[in-house]
Amino acid sequence: MAIHTVVPGDTLYTIARRYGVSVHSIATANAISNPDVLVVGQALAIPLMRAPTGPLVYTVRPGDTLYSIAGLFATTVQAIAAANAIANINLIYVGQQLVIPGWTYQLYAVTAGDTLSRLASRFSATVALLAAVNHLTDPNLISVGQSLIIPARSAPVVPKVPAETNGYLFPLSESSIRRILSGISQDLTYASVFSFPVDGQGGVVYTPGAAGPAVRVARSLGIVPLAVISNFDGSNFSPELARHAMSGPTGDLTVASIVEFATSEGFRGINVDFENMHPEDRQLYTSFIAALSRAAHARRLTLSNAMAPKWADWPDLPWVGAFDYAALAPHLDFTMLMTYEWGWSGGPPMAIAPVNLVRRVLEYAVTRISPGKILMGIPLYGYDWTVPAPPGAFTRTVTPPQAVELAARYGVNISFDQTAQAPWFRYVDEAGAQHEVWFEDVRSSVAAHALIEALGLRGASYWNVVYDYPQNWLALEDRYAVLKQS
């Protein structure tokens, strides 16, 4: 994969020609609905043509010697002789096919305006080399549609880093879930179905069978389904609901109900997403997770949780105080750190997951939790803020492709914040209102994914896979081999 940032004068056609790929492949990789519309500053993920497996084979021409062939490919006579079991280096034949060690190739279809000189420049080759491997007697004669062999030095095979991934999604219809997951099934280890709230009286709120579509689709695609247990009361994450569900005998009933629910509905693990808890319930939450861990593991279920991000232990602060990273870690198989929502729907405009702050959280977290248990949160969305926002108003969520379409509609360029590693822009709508948009693109996805390897993390957790953002999966696949569970 390559990243191309659109500059004035770019078209999808000229970009496709530059990288030797099709317009369709770029449009698909970037969810571009109108190939004729690009935005200056827009970052495009370019899915590069993959060279065939196997080495380049060169057919000997009249006048060739092993010395001249070695010079053409900047290698040695001995290397070519060894690769082809040639005993007499002075004896080769016209028409003989020689494997050229250290070289591979790709096929390229000539388009209007191509010349061998331009192709040599584009693919870091020479006119002589292209003419030789393609048996061209006149380098000036190539035709539209002609298939050319483009030789290239073999890149060393670098094994991809293994990682696990989780994607949150909602319990939609079976057809909707299959549509969402089918295209990214190879990119997900887990699918966490959000959410099944506790009722504060020892039970879990759900309709029997409601989880069935998500569980069936996930299992059929080789994805491990996890049940998300929350304290969401329909409008907010309720601290009182969490407290009641975890306290005393009710807490024991809640643990039993969660495990029974997850087992009966076919889930293979439990993900606890209790948010906005009272800071003073810190020990209560730790004890609850410990009890749930014992019960879940007894039924061969994994236990994970979602935790608010922090870079110090602030036991008295709202939202983060209840999470004792170090005390919780031994009871969890893994955790999803919610390293996003710095820019949030009810706050001022800023990057949703500024990479400098995400790194700060993770560098603290790995001192309290084994890195091999941490899935870092990565957002798949953006926000369109009205500035200034009306009192009490919440902003609008946009997918990354929708954000680019907004910039195109209002004729504004996209900027990129180097510190946060995030794209943004401003526009004025038809009513004269000022807007500021922050979102994710392939550059921010690459920066986020780099932290997994840099800090030795288990992998990534995405909120949420319902959002259309194909660039993210290209960035993931470019760097990591996603692990699947048996």
Protein backbone atom coordinates (compact mmCIF):
# COMPACT_ATOMS: atom_id res chain seq x y z
CA MET A 1 0.00 0.00 0.00
CA ALA A 2 1.10 3.55 -0.72
CA ILE A 3 -0.39 6.85 0.49
CA HIS A 4 -1.03 9.67 -1.97
CA THR A 5 -2.12 13.12 -0.79
CA VAL A 6 -4.13 14.92 -3.47
CA VAL A 7 -2.59 18.11 -4.88
CA PRO A 8 -4.08 20.64 -7.34
CA GLY A 9 -4.44 19.11 -10.78
CA ASP A 10 -4.69 15.52 -9.62
CA THR A 11 -7.37 13.26 -11.05
CA LEU A 12 -8.07 9.68 -10.17
CA TYR A 13 -6.95 8.73 -13.67
CA THR A 14 -3.56 10.44 -13.40
CA ILE A 15 -3.01 9.02 -9.92
CA ALA A 16 -3.89 5.51 -11.13
CA ARG A 17 -1.43 5.85 -13.99
CA ARG A 18 1.29 7.09 -11.69
CA TYR A 19 1.04 4.01 -9.47
CA GLY A 20 0.25 1.51 -12.21
CA VAL A 21 -3.15 0.51 -10.76
CA SER A 22 -6.75 0.91 -11.88
CA VAL A 23 -9.08 3.80 -11.12
CA HIS A 24 -11.59 1.25 -9.82
CA SER A 25 -9.13 -0.21 -7.29
CA ILE A 26 -8.38 3.23 -5.84
CA ALA A 27 -12.07 4.21 -5.72
CA THR A 28 -12.95 0.95 -3.94
CA ALA A 29 -10.09 1.20 -1.44
CA ASN A 30 -11.18 4.72 -0.46
CA ALA A 31 -14.99 4.38 -0.69
CA ILE A 32 -15.08 7.09 -3.38
CA SER A 33 -18.62 7.40 -4.71
CA ASN A 34 -17.79 9.89 -7.48
CA PRO A 35 -14.43 9.20 -9.19
CA ASP A 36 -14.52 12.65 -10.78
CA VAL A 37 -14.38 14.46 -7.42
CA LEU A 38 -11.21 14.71 -5.35
CA VAL A 39 -10.30 17.19 -2.60
CA VAL A 40 -6.92 18.87 -2.26
CA GLY A 41 -5.37 17.48 0.92
CA GLN A 42 -7.36 14.24 0.74
CA ALA A 43 -5.24 11.17 1.56
CA LEU A 44 -5.74 8.15 -0.69
CA ALA A 45 -4.72 4.60 0.13
CA ILE A 46 -3.22 3.10 -3.04
CA PRO A 47 -3.50 -0.70 -3.17
CA LEU A 48 -0.34 -1.45 -5.12
CA MET A 49 -0.20 -4.18 -7.72
CA ARG A 50 1.34 -7.30 -6.23
CA ALA A 51 4.12 -8.91 -8.20
CA PRO A 52 3.64 -12.59 -9.02
CA THR A 53 5.42 -15.08 -6.85
CA GLY A 54 8.57 -16.49 -8.37
CA PRO A 55 11.61 -14.93 -9.99
CA LEU A 56 12.00 -13.07 -13.25
CA VAL A 57 12.80 -15.32 -16.22
CA TYR A 58 14.90 -13.82 -19.03
CA THR A 59 15.02 -15.30 -22.54
CA VAL A 60 18.49 -15.20 -24.12
CA ARG A 61 18.71 -13.06 -27.28
CA PRO A 62 21.27 -13.13 -30.11
CA GLY A 63 24.52 -11.54 -28.96
CA ASP A 64 23.86 -12.12 -25.25
CA THR A 65 26.53 -13.46 -22.93
CA LEU A 66 26.29 -14.17 -19.22
CA TYR A 67 28.51 -11.14 -18.72
CA SER A 68 26.18 -8.80 -20.62
CA ILE A 69 23.10 -10.26 -18.91
CA ALA A 70 24.72 -9.87 -15.49
CA GLY A 71 25.51 -6.25 -16.33
CA LEU A 72 21.94 -5.62 -17.47
CA PHE A 73 20.56 -6.80 -14.12
CA ALA A 74 23.41 -5.49 -11.94
CA THR A 75 24.23 -8.94 -10.63
CA THR A 76 27.11 -11.40 -11.14
CA VAL A 77 27.82 -14.11 -13.67
CA GLN A 78 28.32 -16.54 -10.81
CA ALA A 79 24.90 -15.77 -9.32
CA ILE A 80 23.09 -16.39 -12.63
CA ALA A 81 25.13 -19.53 -13.29
CA ALA A 82 24.37 -20.94 -9.84
CA ALA A 83 20.64 -20.17 -10.14
CA ASN A 84 20.47 -22.01 -13.46
CA ALA A 85 22.97 -24.87 -12.88
CA ILE A 86 25.21 -23.64 -15.72
CA ALA A 87 28.52 -25.52 -15.74
CA ASN A 88 30.18 -23.57 -18.56
CA ILE A 89 29.64 -19.83 -18.12
CA ASN A 90 30.75 -19.24 -21.70
CA LEU A 91 28.03 -21.44 -23.17
CA ILE A 92 24.44 -20.20 -23.38
CA TYR A 93 21.93 -20.50 -26.21
CA VAL A 94 19.52 -18.14 -27.97
CA GLY A 95 16.05 -18.86 -26.62
CA GLN A 96 17.39 -20.32 -23.37
CA GLN A 97 15.37 -19.18 -20.35
CA LEU A 98 17.39 -17.99 -17.37
CA VAL A 99 16.15 -17.34 -13.88
CA ILE A 100 17.51 -14.00 -12.68
CA PRO A 101 18.17 -14.26 -8.92
CA GLY A 102 17.07 -11.31 -6.84
CA TRP A 103 14.53 -10.11 -9.43
CA THR A 104 10.80 -10.46 -9.85
CA TYR A 105 8.25 -8.76 -12.10
CA GLN A 106 4.76 -7.44 -12.61
CA LEU A 107 2.63 -7.14 -15.73
CA TYR A 108 1.57 -3.73 -16.97
CA ALA A 109 -1.00 -2.88 -19.67
CA VAL A 110 0.11 0.07 -21.79
CA THR A 111 -2.27 3.06 -21.73
CA ALA A 112 -2.56 6.12 -23.97
CA GLY A 113 0.41 8.46 -23.56
CA ASP A 114 2.83 5.79 -22.29
CA THR A 115 6.36 5.63 -23.66
CA LEU A 116 9.10 3.24 -22.64
CA SER A 117 11.06 6.18 -21.28
CA ARG A 118 8.17 7.29 -19.07
CA LEU A 119 7.57 3.73 -17.86
CA ALA A 120 11.26 3.31 -17.07
CA SER A 121 11.16 6.48 -14.97
CA ARG A 122 7.91 5.47 -13.23
CA PHE A 123 9.13 1.98 -12.32
CA SER A 124 12.78 2.85 -11.53
CA ALA A 125 14.10 0.83 -14.47
CA THR A 126 16.00 1.64 -17.67
CA VAL A 127 14.78 1.70 -21.25
CA ALA A 128 17.39 -0.92 -22.15
CA LEU A 129 16.18 -3.26 -19.42
CA LEU A 130 12.52 -2.92 -20.38
CA ALA A 131 13.33 -3.45 -24.05
CA ALA A 132 15.45 -6.53 -23.31
CA VAL A 133 12.99 -8.39 -21.08
CA ASN A 134 10.11 -7.62 -23.44
CA HIS A 135 12.04 -8.52 -26.67
CA LEU A 136 11.38 -5.07 -28.16
CA THR A 137 13.38 -4.47 -31.32
CA ASP A 138 12.23 -0.84 -31.44
CA PRO A 139 11.80 0.77 -27.97
CA ASN A 140 9.73 3.52 -29.55
CA LEU A 141 7.01 1.12 -30.67
CA ILE A 142 4.62 0.10 -27.92
CA SER A 143 0.85 0.04 -28.31
CA VAL A 144 -2.14 0.72 -26.07
CA GLY A 145 -3.25 -2.50 -24.41
CA GLN A 146 0.11 -4.22 -24.91
CA SER A 147 1.21 -6.24 -21.87
CA LEU A 148 4.73 -5.44 -20.70
CA ILE A 149 6.89 -7.23 -18.17
CA ILE A 150 8.10 -4.72 -15.57
CA PRO A 151 11.15 -6.14 -13.79
CA ALA A 152 11.90 -5.18 -10.21
CA ARG A 153 14.39 -6.19 -7.58
CA SER A 154 12.89 -8.67 -5.14
CA ALA A 155 12.11 -7.03 -1.84
CA PRO A 156 13.18 -9.02 1.19
CA VAL A 157 10.25 -10.89 2.67
CA VAL A 158 9.48 -9.26 6.00
CA PRO A 159 7.12 -11.36 8.10
CA LYS A 160 4.11 -9.42 9.30
CA VAL A 161 3.67 -8.90 13.02
CA PRO A 162 0.87 -11.06 14.49
CA ALA A 163 -1.96 -9.16 16.19
CA GLU A 164 -5.49 -9.71 17.43
CA THR A 165 -8.31 -7.35 16.60
CA ASN A 166 -11.79 -6.63 17.88
CA GLY A 167 -14.62 -4.80 16.19
CA TYR A 168 -17.68 -3.48 17.99
CA LEU A 169 -21.00 -3.66 16.19
CA PHE A 170 -24.72 -3.43 16.95
CA PRO A 171 -27.16 -6.39 16.96
CA LEU A 172 -28.62 -5.66 13.53
CA SER A 173 -30.41 -7.99 11.13
CA GLU A 174 -28.56 -11.06 9.95
CA SER A 175 -28.28 -9.72 6.39
CA SER A 176 -26.89 -6.38 7.61
CA ILE A 177 -24.32 -8.02 9.85
CA ARG A 178 -23.23 -10.37 7.08
CA ARG A 179 -22.84 -7.43 4.69
CA ILE A 180 -20.73 -5.56 7.23
CA LEU A 181 -18.52 -8.44 8.35
CA SER A 182 -18.05 -10.40 5.13
CA GLY A 183 -15.63 -7.91 3.59
CA ILE A 184 -13.48 -7.59 6.73
CA SER A 185 -13.77 -11.07 8.24
CA GLN A 186 -10.07 -11.71 7.60
CA ASP A 187 -9.28 -8.57 9.62
CA LEU A 188 -11.14 -9.48 12.82
CA THR A 189 -10.36 -11.89 15.63
CA TYR A 190 -13.37 -10.85 17.73
CA ALA A 191 -16.72 -9.16 17.12
CA SER A 192 -18.19 -7.53 20.23
CA VAL A 193 -21.96 -7.09 20.07
CA PHE A 194 -23.02 -3.84 21.80
CA SER A 195 -24.78 -4.06 24.14
CA PHE A 196 -26.73 -6.05 26.71
CA PRO A 197 -27.20 -3.93 29.84
CA VAL A 198 -27.49 -5.12 33.39
CA ASP A 199 -30.81 -4.35 35.09
CA GLY A 200 -29.40 -3.53 38.54
CA GLN A 201 -31.40 -6.36 40.10
CA GLY A 202 -29.15 -9.27 39.24
CA GLY A 203 -30.19 -9.77 35.62
CA VAL A 204 -29.27 -8.88 32.05
CA VAL A 205 -31.69 -7.08 29.75
CA TYR A 206 -32.13 -8.95 26.47
CA THR A 207 -34.67 -10.67 24.30
CA PRO A 208 -33.90 -14.40 23.95
CA GLY A 209 -32.50 -15.05 20.48
CA ALA A 210 -31.80 -11.38 19.74
CA ALA A 211 -28.08 -12.03 19.66
CA GLY A 212 -28.52 -15.02 17.34
CA PRO A 213 -27.91 -13.24 13.99
CA ALA A 214 -24.64 -11.66 15.13
CA VAL A 215 -23.41 -14.87 16.73
CA ARG A 216 -24.27 -17.02 13.71
CA VAL A 217 -22.67 -14.67 11.19
CA ALA A 218 -19.53 -14.15 13.26
CA ARG A 219 -19.01 -17.87 13.79
CA SER A 220 -19.63 -18.65 10.12
CA LEU A 221 -16.91 -16.15 9.16
CA GLY A 222 -14.35 -17.40 11.68
CA ILE A 223 -14.80 -14.47 14.06
CA VAL A 224 -15.16 -15.00 17.81
CA PRO A 225 -18.40 -13.39 19.08
CA LEU A 226 -18.23 -11.51 22.40
CA ALA A 227 -21.21 -10.28 24.42
CA VAL A 228 -20.87 -6.67 25.56
CA ILE A 229 -22.37 -6.19 29.03
CA SER A 230 -22.97 -2.52 29.83
CA ASN A 231 -24.52 -0.13 32.32
CA PHE A 232 -26.25 1.80 29.53
CA ASP A 233 -29.76 2.73 30.64
CA GLY A 234 -31.06 3.72 27.22
CA SER A 235 -29.75 7.27 27.25
CA ASN A 236 -26.55 7.30 29.31
CA PHE A 237 -24.03 5.10 31.06
CA SER A 238 -25.52 5.05 34.56
CA PRO A 239 -23.19 4.95 37.58
CA GLU A 240 -26.08 3.95 39.84
CA LEU A 241 -27.06 1.07 37.58
CA ALA A 242 -23.50 -0.25 37.70
CA ARG A 243 -23.34 0.12 41.49
CA HIS A 244 -26.59 -1.75 42.07
CA ALA A 245 -25.61 -4.53 39.67
CA MET A 246 -22.26 -5.11 41.39
CA SER A 247 -23.26 -4.78 45.07
CA GLY A 248 -23.71 -7.58 47.61
CA PRO A 249 -25.96 -10.55 46.78
CA THR A 250 -27.18 -8.72 43.69
CA GLY A 251 -23.62 -8.75 42.39
CA ASP A 252 -23.48 -12.54 42.72
CA LEU A 253 -26.76 -12.84 40.80
CA THR A 254 -25.47 -10.47 38.11
CA VAL A 255 -22.34 -12.56 37.63
CA ALA A 256 -24.41 -15.74 37.28
CA SER A 257 -26.86 -14.08 34.89
CA ILE A 258 -24.11 -12.71 32.64
CA VAL A 259 -22.42 -16.09 32.31
CA GLU A 260 -25.70 -17.90 31.70
CA PHE A 261 -26.74 -15.33 29.09
CA ALA A 262 -23.44 -15.49 27.21
CA THR A 263 -23.41 -19.28 27.22
CA SER A 264 -27.04 -19.75 26.20
CA GLU A 265 -26.76 -17.24 23.34
CA GLY A 266 -23.66 -18.88 21.88
CA PHE A 267 -21.05 -16.24 22.71
CA ARG A 268 -17.48 -17.33 23.33
CA GLY A 269 -16.56 -14.48 25.60
CA ILE A 270 -17.77 -11.55 27.69
CA ASN A 271 -16.72 -7.91 27.34
CA VAL A 272 -17.72 -5.66 30.24
CA ASP A 273 -18.29 -2.05 29.22
CA PHE A 274 -19.19 -0.25 32.46
CA GLU A 275 -18.57 3.47 32.00
CA ASN A 276 -19.08 6.63 34.04
CA MET A 277 -18.91 4.70 37.31
CA HIS A 278 -18.56 6.43 40.68
CA PRO A 279 -14.83 6.70 41.46
CA GLU A 280 -15.52 5.40 44.96
CA ASP A 281 -16.74 2.13 43.38
CA ARG A 282 -13.19 1.31 42.33
CA GLN A 283 -12.76 -1.67 44.67
CA LEU A 284 -16.33 -2.81 44.07
CA TYR A 285 -15.66 -2.96 40.33
CA THR A 286 -12.37 -4.83 40.79
CA SER A 287 -14.06 -7.41 43.02
CA PHE A 288 -16.92 -7.77 40.54
CA ILE A 289 -14.50 -8.39 37.65
CA ALA A 290 -12.59 -10.94 39.74
CA ALA A 291 -15.81 -12.86 40.51
CA LEU A 292 -16.96 -12.67 36.90
CA SER A 293 -13.55 -13.89 35.73
CA ARG A 294 -13.81 -17.03 37.87
CA ALA A 295 -17.34 -17.74 36.69
CA ALA A 296 -16.59 -17.06 33.01
CA HIS A 297 -13.48 -19.19 32.95
CA ALA A 298 -15.36 -22.04 34.63
CA ARG A 299 -17.66 -22.04 31.58
CA ARG A 300 -14.71 -21.67 29.14
CA LEU A 301 -15.58 -18.09 28.26
CA THR A 302 -12.98 -15.34 27.89
CA LEU A 303 -13.35 -12.16 29.92
CA SER A 304 -12.33 -8.74 28.71
CA ASN A 305 -13.42 -5.22 29.50
CA ALA A 306 -13.39 -1.71 28.07
CA MET A 307 -11.57 0.94 30.10
CA ALA A 308 -11.34 4.71 29.88
CA PRO A 309 -7.89 6.09 28.93
CA LYS A 310 -5.58 7.79 31.42
CA TRP A 311 -1.85 8.43 31.81
CA ALA A 312 -1.73 8.40 35.61
CA ASP A 313 -3.73 6.71 38.35
CA TRP A 314 -6.41 9.26 39.22
CA PRO A 315 -8.61 7.32 41.67
CA ASP A 316 -10.87 10.28 42.47
CA LEU A 317 -11.67 11.48 38.95
CA PRO A 318 -15.00 10.77 37.22
CA TRP A 319 -14.96 8.30 34.30
CA VAL A 320 -11.42 7.03 34.99
CA GLY A 321 -11.21 6.70 38.79
CA ALA A 322 -12.98 3.32 39.01
CA PHE A 323 -10.40 1.63 36.78
CA ASP A 324 -7.46 0.26 38.75
CA TYR A 325 -5.44 -0.96 35.78
CA ALA A 326 -2.93 -2.97 37.81
CA ALA A 327 -5.51 -4.64 40.09
CA LEU A 328 -7.84 -5.54 37.21
CA ALA A 329 -5.21 -6.95 34.85
CA PRO A 330 -4.77 -10.40 36.50
CA HIS A 331 -8.48 -11.15 36.13
CA LEU A 332 -8.75 -10.21 32.45
CA ASP A 333 -7.77 -12.18 29.38
CA PHE A 334 -7.41 -8.85 27.60
CA THR A 335 -8.72 -5.30 27.75
CA MET A 336 -9.91 -2.73 25.22
CA LEU A 337 -8.46 0.66 26.12
CA MET A 338 -10.81 3.29 24.71
CA THR A 339 -8.09 5.54 23.31
CA TYR A 340 -10.49 7.83 21.48
CA GLU A 341 -13.11 10.53 22.14
CA TRP A 342 -10.75 13.35 23.06
CA GLY A 343 -12.78 15.13 20.44
CA TRP A 344 -16.29 14.06 21.44
CA SER A 345 -19.82 14.88 20.36
CA GLY A 346 -20.51 17.21 23.28
CA GLY A 347 -17.16 18.99 23.42
CA PRO A 348 -15.11 21.42 21.35
CA PRO A 349 -13.65 20.40 17.98
CA MET A 350 -10.39 18.45 18.08
CA ALA A 351 -8.95 15.17 16.87
CA ILE A 352 -10.92 12.14 18.04
CA ALA A 353 -7.76 10.12 18.78
CA PRO A 354 -4.70 12.41 18.67
CA VAL A 355 -1.79 10.02 18.37
CA ASN A 356 0.42 11.98 20.79
CA LEU A 357 -2.16 11.56 23.58
CA VAL A 358 -2.93 7.97 22.62
CA ARG A 359 0.76 7.14 22.93
CA ARG A 360 0.90 8.82 26.34
CA VAL A 361 -1.98 6.64 27.60
CA LEU A 362 -0.46 3.46 26.22
CA GLU A 363 3.00 4.17 27.61
CA TYR A 364 1.42 4.45 31.04
CA ALA A 365 -0.86 1.45 30.58
CA VAL A 366 1.97 -0.97 29.74
CA THR A 367 3.53 -0.21 33.13
CA ARG A 368 0.34 -1.50 34.83
CA ILE A 369 -0.94 -4.14 32.38
CA SER A 370 0.99 -6.67 30.33
CA PRO A 371 1.22 -5.25 26.78
CA GLY A 372 0.10 -8.67 25.55
CA LYS A 373 -3.30 -8.03 27.16
CA ILE A 374 -3.94 -4.60 25.63
CA LEU A 375 -6.06 -3.92 22.55
CA MET A 376 -5.73 -0.21 21.77
CA GLY A 377 -8.89 1.58 20.70
CA ILE A 378 -9.00 3.00 17.17
CA PRO A 379 -11.96 5.09 15.95
CA LEU A 380 -13.50 4.58 12.51
CA TYR A 381 -15.45 7.85 12.42
CA GLY A 382 -15.29 11.62 12.70
CA TYR A 383 -17.39 14.54 13.93
CA ASP A 384 -18.85 17.59 12.20
CA TRP A 385 -19.09 20.36 14.83
CA THR A 386 -21.09 23.55 14.49
CA VAL A 387 -18.90 26.37 15.85
CA PRO A 388 -19.87 27.66 18.28
CA ALA A 389 -22.13 24.79 19.26
CA PRO A 390 -25.58 25.66 20.63
CA PRO A 391 -25.81 25.03 24.42
CA GLY A 392 -26.45 21.35 25.17
CA ALA A 393 -26.17 20.35 21.52
CA PHE A 394 -24.37 17.24 20.34
CA THR A 395 -22.48 17.17 17.10
CA ARG A 396 -23.01 14.95 14.09
CA THR A 397 -21.05 11.74 13.50
CA VAL A 398 -19.62 11.30 10.00
CA THR A 399 -17.73 8.44 8.38
CA PRO A 400 -14.37 9.31 6.81
CA PRO A 401 -15.80 9.09 3.26
CA GLN A 402 -18.69 11.34 4.31
CA ALA A 403 -16.21 13.86 5.70
CA VAL A 404 -14.36 14.00 2.37
CA GLU A 405 -17.67 14.42 0.54
CA LEU A 406 -18.48 17.38 2.80
CA ALA A 407 -15.17 19.03 1.93
CA ALA A 408 -15.86 18.46 -1.76
CA ARG A 409 -19.42 19.81 -1.51
CA TYR A 410 -18.32 23.06 0.11
CA GLY A 411 -15.16 23.45 -1.95
CA VAL A 412 -12.63 23.47 0.88
CA ASN A 413 -9.22 21.84 1.18
CA ILE A 414 -8.38 19.24 3.82
CA SER A 415 -5.61 20.09 6.30
CA PHE A 416 -3.56 17.63 8.36
CA ASP A 417 -2.46 18.15 11.96
CA GLN A 418 1.03 16.65 12.23
CA THR A 419 0.99 16.47 16.04
CA ALA A 420 -2.35 14.72 16.31
CA GLN A 421 -1.84 12.91 12.99
CA ALA A 422 -5.41 13.72 12.01
CA PRO A 423 -7.14 15.44 9.04
CA TRP A 424 -9.53 18.34 9.52
CA PHE A 425 -11.21 21.24 7.69
CA ARG A 426 -13.70 24.08 8.15
CA TYR A 427 -16.65 25.08 6.01
CA VAL A 428 -19.66 27.40 6.08
CA ASP A 429 -23.04 25.81 5.39
CA GLU A 430 -26.00 27.21 3.43
CA ALA A 431 -27.38 28.87 6.56
CA GLY A 432 -24.10 30.69 7.20
CA ALA A 433 -23.08 28.50 10.14
CA GLN A 434 -19.38 27.75 10.64
CA HIS A 435 -18.40 24.07 10.89
CA GLU A 436 -15.22 22.26 11.86
CA VAL A 437 -14.71 18.61 10.94
CA TRP A 438 -12.14 16.18 12.34
CA PHE A 439 -12.00 12.61 11.10
CA GLU A 440 -9.71 9.67 10.38
CA ASP A 441 -7.86 8.83 7.17
CA VAL A 442 -5.22 6.37 6.06
CA ARG A 443 -2.46 8.56 7.54
CA SER A 444 -4.02 8.56 11.02
CA SER A 445 -4.73 4.82 10.74
CA VAL A 446 -1.11 4.10 9.85
CA ALA A 447 0.09 6.23 12.78
CA ALA A 448 -2.26 4.47 15.19
CA HIS A 449 -1.42 0.97 14.00
CA ALA A 450 2.30 1.70 14.35
CA LEU A 451 1.84 1.95 18.13
CA ILE A 452 0.82 -1.70 18.37
CA GLU A 453 4.20 -2.91 17.19
CA ALA A 454 6.14 -0.12 18.89
CA LEU A 455 4.72 -0.98 22.33
CA GLY A 456 4.28 -4.73 21.84
CA LEU A 457 0.51 -4.61 22.27
CA ARG A 458 -1.89 -7.49 21.68
CA GLY A 459 -3.63 -5.56 18.90
CA ALA A 460 -6.46 -3.14 18.17
CA SER A 461 -10.14 -2.67 18.98
CA TYR A 462 -12.30 -0.65 16.58
CA TRP A 463 -15.35 1.47 17.32
CA ASN A 464 -17.24 0.58 15.34
CA VAL A 465 -17.22 -1.60 12.24
CA VAL A 466 -20.66 -0.40 11.10
CA TYR A 467 -18.88 2.72 9.81
CA ASP A 468 -17.65 2.46 6.21
CA TYR A 469 -13.90 3.08 6.29
CA PRO A 470 -11.96 0.68 4.01
CA GLN A 471 -8.69 2.63 4.37
CA ASN A 472 -8.36 1.35 7.93
CA TRP A 473 -8.32 -2.28 6.88
CA LEU A 474 -5.71 -1.66 4.18
CA ALA A 475 -3.49 -0.01 6.78
CA LEU A 476 -3.99 -2.96 9.13
CA GLU A 477 -3.30 -5.60 6.47
CA ASP A 478 -0.21 -3.76 5.28
CA ARG A 479 1.49 -4.24 8.64
CA TYR A 480 -0.08 -7.07 10.63
CA ALA A 481 -1.15 -10.69 10.29
CA VAL A 482 -4.47 -10.90 12.13
CA LEU A 483 -4.68 -13.95 14.37
CA LYS A 484 -7.75 -16.15 14.28
CA GLN A 485 -8.99 -18.37 17.10
CA SER A 486 -9.80 -22.04 16.51
